[in-house]
Amino acid sequence: MRIAPRIELDAAVQRELTALTRRGRVEARVQQRAKIVLLAAEGWQNKDIAVEVDLDRRQVAMWRQRFLGERPADPP
């Protein structure tokens, strides 16, 4: 069994993602992606996130990977 990479969010990123999930004028797909990252950061498995957000687990895995790949590097 493969284990999904862990996502750790700092407080600012978590606030921003939470705000995206609650805003009314944000596209539904952006809200969905923010929710995927937030649930992943809480330790949810891709299959469980997929059920929660009504996507295939492979799409959830893709968005998890994209988030990890596009995050800015920590300052030295």
Protein backbone atom coordinates (compact mmCIF):
# COMPACT_ATOMS: atom_id res chain seq x y z
CA MET A 1 0.00 0.00 0.00
CA ARG A 2 1.33 3.41 -0.96
CA ILE A 3 1.24 6.24 1.53
CA ALA A 4 0.40 9.71 0.28
CA PRO A 5 2.98 12.41 0.99
CA ARG A 6 2.30 14.41 4.13
CA ILE A 7 1.21 18.02 3.75
CA GLU A 8 2.06 20.47 6.49
CA LEU A 9 0.62 23.96 6.38
CA ASP A 10 1.75 27.03 8.22
CA ALA A 11 -0.93 29.18 9.82
CA ALA A 12 -1.03 31.73 6.99
CA VAL A 13 -1.50 29.15 4.24
CA GLN A 14 -4.13 27.34 6.28
CA ARG A 15 -6.06 30.60 6.81
CA GLU A 16 -5.87 31.40 3.10
CA LEU A 17 -7.11 27.95 2.06
CA THR A 18 -9.88 28.01 4.65
CA ALA A 19 -10.99 31.42 3.37
CA LEU A 20 -11.07 30.06 -0.19
CA THR A 21 -13.40 27.25 0.86
CA ARG A 22 -15.82 29.73 2.43
CA ARG A 23 -15.88 32.54 -0.13
CA GLY A 24 -18.97 32.74 -2.28
CA ARG A 25 -17.33 34.33 -5.30
CA VAL A 26 -14.62 31.73 -5.79
CA GLU A 27 -14.98 29.10 -8.49
CA ALA A 28 -16.26 25.77 -7.20
CA ARG A 29 -13.21 23.93 -8.50
CA VAL A 30 -10.88 26.28 -6.59
CA GLN A 31 -12.90 25.69 -3.42
CA GLN A 32 -12.74 21.95 -4.03
CA ARG A 33 -8.95 22.01 -4.47
CA ALA A 34 -8.48 24.07 -1.32
CA LYS A 35 -10.60 21.56 0.59
CA ILE A 36 -8.49 18.69 -0.78
CA VAL A 37 -5.31 20.30 0.55
CA LEU A 38 -6.86 21.12 3.92
CA LEU A 39 -8.13 17.56 4.40
CA ALA A 40 -4.78 16.14 3.30
CA ALA A 41 -3.06 18.36 5.87
CA GLU A 42 -5.38 16.89 8.51
CA GLY A 43 -4.04 13.45 7.62
CA TRP A 44 -6.94 12.15 5.53
CA GLN A 45 -6.20 9.46 2.96
CA ASN A 46 -6.79 10.19 -0.73
CA LYS A 47 -9.63 7.67 -0.96
CA ASP A 48 -11.48 9.33 1.94
CA ILE A 49 -10.91 12.82 0.56
CA ALA A 50 -12.20 11.62 -2.81
CA VAL A 51 -15.48 10.52 -1.24
CA GLU A 52 -15.79 13.80 0.68
CA VAL A 53 -15.23 16.06 -2.35
CA ASP A 54 -16.85 13.74 -4.92
CA LEU A 55 -13.77 13.11 -7.09
CA ASP A 56 -11.75 10.09 -8.12
CA ARG A 57 -8.88 9.29 -5.75
CA ARG A 58 -6.40 9.74 -8.61
CA GLN A 59 -7.55 13.35 -9.04
CA VAL A 60 -7.10 13.92 -5.31
CA ALA A 61 -3.59 12.45 -5.51
CA MET A 62 -2.81 14.71 -8.47
CA TRP A 63 -3.88 17.87 -6.60
CA ARG A 64 -1.96 16.80 -3.50
CA GLN A 65 1.17 16.38 -5.63
CA ARG A 66 0.65 19.66 -7.46
CA PHE A 67 0.30 21.50 -4.18
CA LEU A 68 3.51 19.95 -2.85
CA GLY A 69 5.36 20.67 -6.09
CA GLU A 70 4.31 24.31 -6.41
CA ARG A 71 4.85 25.47 -2.86
CA PRO A 72 7.59 28.04 -2.40
CA ALA A 73 10.75 26.74 -0.81
CA ASP A 74 11.33 27.55 2.84
CA PRO A 75 13.80 30.40 3.36
CA PRO A 76 17.31 29.30 4.37
